[in-house]
Protein backbone atom coordinates (compact mmCIF):
# COMPACT_ATOMS: atom_id res chain seq x y z
CA MET A 1 -0.05 -0.03 0.08
CA ALA A 2 2.88 2.39 0.71
CA ASP A 3 4.24 1.80 -2.80
CA PHE A 4 0.90 2.93 -4.15
CA TYR A 5 1.07 6.30 -2.46
CA VAL A 6 4.65 6.78 -3.47
CA PHE A 7 3.59 6.11 -7.12
CA HIS A 8 0.65 8.42 -6.70
CA TYR A 9 2.96 11.15 -5.35
CA CYS A 10 5.48 10.83 -8.18
CA ASN A 11 2.76 10.72 -10.79
CA ILE A 12 1.15 13.93 -9.65
CA LEU A 13 4.49 15.65 -9.32
CA TYR A 14 5.40 14.65 -12.89
CA HIS A 15 2.12 16.01 -14.39
CA SER A 16 2.17 19.14 -12.22
CA SER A 17 5.73 20.08 -13.16
CA PHE A 18 5.73 19.03 -16.83
CA ALA A 19 2.19 19.34 -18.05
CA TYR A 20 1.85 22.91 -16.76
CA SER A 21 4.30 24.41 -19.26
CA PRO A 22 2.66 22.95 -22.49
CA LEU A 23 -0.79 23.82 -21.06
CA LYS A 24 0.37 27.39 -20.41
CA ILE A 25 1.96 27.81 -23.83
CA TYR A 26 -1.12 26.45 -25.57
CA ILE A 27 -3.45 28.78 -23.62
CA SER A 28 -1.31 31.88 -23.70
CA GLU A 29 -0.14 31.68 -27.26
CA SER A 30 -2.97 29.92 -29.03
CA TRP A 31 -6.17 30.33 -27.25
CA VAL A 32 -5.42 33.79 -25.88
CA ALA A 33 -4.47 34.99 -29.41
CA ARG A 34 -7.58 33.61 -31.02
CA ASN A 35 -9.86 35.13 -28.38
CA HIS A 36 -8.12 38.54 -28.30
CA ILE A 37 -7.18 38.54 -24.67
CA PHE A 38 -5.08 41.55 -23.56
CA PRO A 39 -1.32 40.74 -23.71
CA ARG A 40 -0.86 41.69 -20.06
CA TYR A 41 -3.23 38.81 -19.19
CA SER A 42 -1.51 36.24 -21.38
CA ALA A 43 0.53 34.75 -18.56
CA LYS A 44 -1.97 35.36 -15.77
CA PHE A 45 -4.86 33.69 -17.47
CA PRO A 46 -3.46 30.19 -17.89
CA GLU A 47 -2.11 30.37 -14.37
CA SER A 48 -5.53 31.06 -13.07
CA VAL A 49 -7.09 28.25 -15.15
CA TRP A 50 -4.51 25.77 -13.77
CA LYS A 51 -5.02 26.91 -10.13
CA LEU A 52 -8.77 26.80 -10.42
CA SER A 53 -8.64 23.28 -11.73
CA TYR A 54 -6.49 22.10 -8.87
CA TYR A 55 -8.03 24.13 -6.02
CA GLY A 56 -11.54 23.21 -6.98
CA LEU A 57 -10.97 19.49 -7.16
CA SER A 58 -8.59 19.26 -4.16
CA TRP A 59 -10.85 21.24 -1.88
CA LEU A 60 -13.97 19.34 -2.87
CA PHE A 61 -12.22 16.07 -1.98
CA SER A 62 -10.94 17.58 1.31
CA LEU A 63 -14.48 18.77 2.08
CA SER A 64 -15.90 15.30 1.45
CA VAL A 65 -13.29 13.73 3.71
CA HIS A 66 -13.99 16.28 6.61
CA THR A 67 -17.80 15.95 6.35
CA CYS A 68 -18.51 12.42 5.09
CA VAL A 69 -15.80 10.14 6.60
CA SER A 70 -17.33 8.94 9.86
CA ASN A 71 -14.10 8.61 11.89
CA ILE A 72 -12.61 11.92 10.83
CA ASN A 73 -14.16 14.68 13.02
CA SER A 74 -11.29 17.07 13.29
CA PHE A 75 -13.31 20.07 11.90
CA SER A 76 -16.33 19.70 14.16
CA ASP A 77 -14.31 18.51 17.15
CA PRO A 78 -10.64 19.64 16.92
CA LEU A 79 -9.48 17.72 19.93
CA SER A 80 -10.56 14.44 18.28
CA ILE A 81 -7.37 14.76 16.31
CA TRP A 82 -5.69 13.07 19.31
CA ASP A 83 -8.27 10.29 19.95
CA GLY A 84 -6.06 7.63 18.30
CA TRP A 85 -3.15 8.47 20.60
CA SER A 86 -5.07 7.45 23.86
CA HIS A 87 -3.08 4.32 24.16
CA GLY A 88 0.24 5.89 23.59
CA GLU A 89 0.67 4.33 20.11
CA SER A 90 0.62 5.99 16.66
CA PRO A 91 -2.89 5.46 15.06
CA PRO A 92 -3.07 4.18 11.48
CA ILE A 93 -3.30 6.85 8.72
CA HIS A 94 -6.63 6.87 6.89
CA PRO A 95 -6.22 6.20 3.08
CA ALA A 96 -8.05 9.42 2.25
CA ILE A 97 -5.53 11.41 4.36
CA ARG A 98 -2.74 9.75 2.57
CA VAL A 99 -4.24 10.82 -0.80
CA ILE A 100 -4.52 14.37 0.47
CA TYR A 101 -0.93 14.42 1.68
CA ALA A 102 0.49 12.88 -1.58
CA THR A 103 -1.52 15.23 -3.78
CA GLN A 104 -0.78 18.41 -1.76
CA ALA A 105 2.96 17.59 -1.44
CA SER A 106 3.24 17.21 -5.13
CA PHE A 107 1.42 20.45 -5.78
CA TYR A 108 3.64 22.40 -3.38
CA ILE A 109 6.83 21.05 -4.88
CA HIS A 110 5.52 22.17 -8.25
CA SER A 111 4.46 25.51 -6.70
CA VAL A 112 7.94 26.23 -5.41
CA TYR A 113 9.34 25.80 -8.98
CA ALA A 114 6.46 27.67 -10.52
CA THR A 115 6.78 30.66 -8.27
CA LEU A 116 10.44 31.06 -9.10
CA TYR A 117 10.44 30.24 -12.83
CA LEU A 118 6.95 29.98 -14.40
CA ASP A 119 4.45 32.43 -12.81
CA PRO A 120 4.48 36.28 -13.13
CA TRP A 121 6.42 37.89 -10.34
CA ARG A 122 4.33 39.72 -7.77
CA LYS A 123 4.95 41.75 -4.66
CA ASP A 124 4.47 38.70 -2.43
CA SER A 125 6.23 36.18 -4.58
CA TRP A 126 9.06 35.74 -2.04
CA LEU A 127 6.47 35.35 0.70
CA MET A 128 4.68 32.71 -1.46
CA PHE A 129 7.94 30.94 -1.92
CA ILE A 130 8.53 30.86 1.91
CA HIS A 131 4.87 29.78 2.39
CA HIS A 132 5.31 26.86 -0.02
CA PHE A 133 8.61 25.84 1.63
CA ILE A 134 6.98 25.96 5.12
CA ALA A 135 3.94 23.95 3.79
CA LEU A 136 6.26 21.29 2.37
CA SER A 137 8.19 21.06 5.64
CA MET A 138 5.09 20.80 7.62
CA LEU A 139 3.69 18.03 5.33
CA LEU A 140 6.96 16.12 5.76
CA LEU A 141 7.40 16.48 9.57
CA SER A 142 3.63 15.82 10.33
CA TYR A 143 3.65 12.70 8.19
CA VAL A 144 6.77 11.41 9.77
CA ASP A 145 5.35 11.83 13.32
CA ASN A 146 1.83 10.96 12.15
CA PHE A 147 0.17 14.31 12.88
CA THR A 148 -1.70 13.92 9.58
CA LEU A 149 -5.09 14.90 10.84
CA CYS A 150 -3.64 18.27 11.86
CA GLY A 151 -2.08 18.65 8.40
CA ALA A 152 -5.27 17.70 6.56
CA LEU A 153 -7.29 20.21 8.70
CA LEU A 154 -4.74 22.95 7.96
CA LEU A 155 -5.00 22.26 4.24
CA PHE A 156 -8.76 22.31 4.27
CA LEU A 157 -8.93 25.73 5.97
CA GLN A 158 -6.22 27.29 3.81
CA ASP A 159 -7.65 26.14 0.44
CA SER A 160 -11.24 27.16 1.10
CA SER A 161 -11.35 30.44 -0.82
CA ASP A 162 -8.65 29.97 -3.48
CA ALA A 163 -10.91 28.47 -6.09
CA MET A 164 -13.33 31.38 -5.82
CA LEU A 165 -10.56 33.85 -6.11
CA GLU A 166 -9.30 32.26 -9.31
CA MET A 167 -12.82 32.25 -10.81
CA ALA A 168 -13.04 35.91 -10.14
CA LYS A 169 -9.69 36.69 -11.68
CA ILE A 170 -10.65 34.68 -14.84
CA GLY A 171 -13.83 36.73 -15.17
CA MET A 172 -11.86 39.95 -15.01
CA TYR A 173 -9.43 38.70 -17.64
CA LEU A 174 -12.04 37.59 -20.06
CA ARG A 175 -14.67 40.45 -19.87
CA ARG A 176 -13.02 42.91 -22.26
CA ARG A 177 -11.05 42.04 -25.38
CA LYS A 178 -8.51 44.00 -27.23
CA ASN A 179 -10.65 43.95 -30.40
CA GLY A 180 -13.19 46.15 -28.51
CA VAL A 181 -15.71 43.45 -27.69
CA TYR A 182 -17.17 43.59 -24.21
CA TYR A 183 -18.84 40.53 -22.70
CA LYS A 184 -21.37 41.85 -20.23
CA SER A 185 -22.44 38.36 -19.08
CA ILE A 186 -18.78 37.48 -18.25
CA ASP A 187 -18.26 40.78 -16.53
CA PHE A 188 -21.45 40.27 -14.56
CA ALA A 189 -20.41 36.73 -13.59
CA GLY A 190 -16.85 37.75 -12.66
CA SER A 191 -18.10 40.78 -10.70
CA THR A 192 -20.67 38.62 -8.79
CA ILE A 193 -18.01 36.10 -7.91
CA PHE A 194 -15.66 38.88 -6.88
CA VAL A 195 -18.39 40.42 -4.58
CA LEU A 196 -19.02 37.01 -3.11
CA PHE A 197 -15.35 36.50 -2.56
CA ALA A 198 -15.00 39.94 -1.13
CA ALA A 199 -18.01 39.45 1.21
CA ASN A 200 -16.52 36.07 2.13
CA CYS A 201 -13.18 37.69 2.94
CA LEU A 202 -15.03 40.08 5.33
CA LYS A 203 -17.68 38.04 7.08
CA SER A 204 -18.56 34.66 5.62
CA TYR A 205 -17.19 31.27 4.76
CA SER A 206 -13.84 32.21 3.27
CA ARG A 207 -10.58 33.88 4.26
CA VAL A 208 -11.59 35.62 7.45
CA LEU A 209 -13.80 32.86 8.74
CA CYS A 210 -11.36 30.07 7.78
CA ARG A 211 -7.97 31.59 7.85
CA LEU A 212 -8.34 34.30 10.57
CA TYR A 213 -11.15 32.86 12.86
CA TRP A 214 -11.43 29.11 12.38
CA TYR A 215 -7.64 28.72 12.04
CA PRO A 216 -6.87 29.76 15.65
CA CYS A 217 -10.20 28.50 17.18
CA LYS A 218 -10.03 25.05 15.57
CA LEU A 219 -6.54 24.31 14.26
CA LEU A 220 -4.33 26.15 16.77
CA TYR A 221 -6.61 25.08 19.62
CA GLY A 222 -6.69 21.47 18.45
CA THR A 223 -2.96 21.26 17.81
CA LEU A 224 -1.12 23.55 20.18
CA TYR A 225 -3.50 23.24 23.16
CA GLY A 226 -4.74 19.72 22.55
CA ALA A 227 -1.28 18.23 21.99
CA VAL A 228 -0.11 19.41 25.44
CA TYR A 229 -2.77 17.37 27.22
CA LEU A 230 -3.79 14.67 24.67
CA GLY A 231 -0.96 14.27 22.18
CA PRO A 232 2.31 12.29 22.39
CA GLN A 233 4.82 13.87 24.67
CA ASP A 234 7.95 12.69 22.95
CA ALA A 235 7.46 14.21 19.46
CA SER A 236 10.67 16.03 18.66
CA SER A 237 9.21 17.91 15.72
CA PHE A 238 6.22 19.38 17.57
CA PRO A 239 7.85 22.69 18.64
CA VAL A 240 8.95 23.28 15.03
CA LEU A 241 5.47 22.48 13.74
CA GLY A 242 3.88 24.72 16.25
CA LEU A 243 6.04 27.59 15.16
CA MET A 244 5.29 26.90 11.52
CA LEU A 245 1.58 27.07 12.26
CA ILE A 246 1.96 30.41 13.97
CA LEU A 247 4.01 31.77 10.98
CA ILE A 248 1.33 30.61 8.50
CA TYR A 249 -1.24 32.51 10.57
CA ALA A 250 0.86 35.66 10.47
CA MET A 251 1.03 35.28 6.67
CA ASN A 252 -2.77 34.99 6.55
CA ILE A 253 -3.07 38.34 8.33
CA TYR A 254 -0.57 39.84 5.95
CA TRP A 255 -2.44 38.68 2.88
CA PHE A 256 -5.72 39.94 4.22
CA ASN A 257 -4.18 43.40 4.36
CA PHE A 258 -3.98 43.22 0.52
CA ILE A 259 -7.68 42.28 0.29
CA ALA A 260 -8.86 45.00 2.72
CA ARG A 261 -6.83 47.66 0.89
CA MET A 262 -8.25 46.60 -2.46
CA LEU A 263 -11.80 46.61 -1.07
CA TRP A 264 -11.29 50.14 0.41
CA ARG A 265 -9.96 51.45 -2.90
CA VAL A 266 -12.87 50.03 -4.89
CA ALA A 267 -15.37 51.40 -2.39
CA THR A 268 -13.85 54.92 -2.25
CA THR A 269 -12.83 55.45 -5.90
CA GLY A 270 -15.40 53.31 -7.82
CA GLU A 271 -12.57 51.79 -9.80
CA GLU A 272 -12.66 48.26 -11.15
CA PRO A 273 -11.10 45.72 -8.75
CA GLU A 274 -7.47 44.76 -9.45
CA ASP A 275 -5.10 42.35 -7.81
CA ASN A 276 -2.86 44.92 -5.97
CA ARG A 277 -0.16 42.27 -5.60
CA GLU A 278 0.53 42.70 -9.40
CA TRP A 279 3.20 45.07 -10.50
CA ASP A 280 1.41 45.88 -13.87
CA THR A 281 -1.86 47.27 -12.50
CA SER A 282 -3.14 50.84 -12.38
CA ALA A 283 -3.30 50.79 -8.56
CA VAL A 284 0.42 50.07 -8.28
CA THR A 285 1.98 51.87 -11.25
CA GLY A 286 -0.43 54.86 -11.46
CA LEU A 287 -0.60 54.31 -15.21
CA SER A 288 -3.92 53.96 -17.12
CA LYS A 289 -5.04 50.57 -18.45
CA SER A 290 -4.54 51.73 -22.04
CA THR A 291 -0.91 52.60 -21.25
CA LEU A 292 -0.38 49.24 -19.60
CA ASP A 293 -1.91 47.41 -22.50
CA ALA A 294 0.34 49.28 -24.96
CA MET A 295 3.47 48.36 -22.89
CA ALA A 296 2.44 44.69 -22.75
CA GLU A 297 1.79 44.72 -26.57
CA LYS A 298 5.40 45.81 -27.19
CA LYS A 299 6.68 42.94 -25.02
CA THR A 300 4.66 40.37 -26.92
CA PRO A 301 6.61 38.84 -29.77
């Protein structure tokens, strides 16, 4: 059985690392050109399509594991993470948790490479690189010491809103074309998703609820507090894992700052929403969209 998960891990890593580039080239050079997408979106659009495909499928699977598997109750009862340790022995790892770990580890290895060499460089790219490195380290250490329910809950909370964000970005990329065509339905759909995402970021089932509220109330409570009284007392990696969990929570607060500033700018100026982590946006450069489009056109061969 262990060999199966190693094969699964290597297979996903291969497809993540090597299938991404041909897909990106096809979408950015062929599909984008045929559909008159603005040049400044030619690299961002395939990136969002790729991430939407992954985040959507992986989070739905994680949701089904945390809500439908009878003996995994870590979301509703965080202290149940340590139920299997009551006899002082390491409990068996559920097959669904192994799949989550293999898939996510493969994705984060690919993401480290993609952040450095494939994706557009952003304000927070170095922070993203550090985040991916910490995530990989946590996956490895938690798997070795069998804190896998903690890791699966972390991934479930972190990935909850990423698919919605990528959907909103795709809508913004596709609503206006450089041939002058304006797709009102796409604009409406993208704006609706963005509003839902923004509302989620502020008060509902997304970043604030999952990453700023549930994260400490469920994950940090179940891991840092619960482990002291219910977990194994001889786990050498636990202090390091605890520090990494706190660092990720600090990153969540930092990224929420980007979202809050963007929402404030849209509310006070009436401008269209833009990702203010990007270097080639009006909010960052102070240049008009037409000027940015002209600059991107010159860079396109």
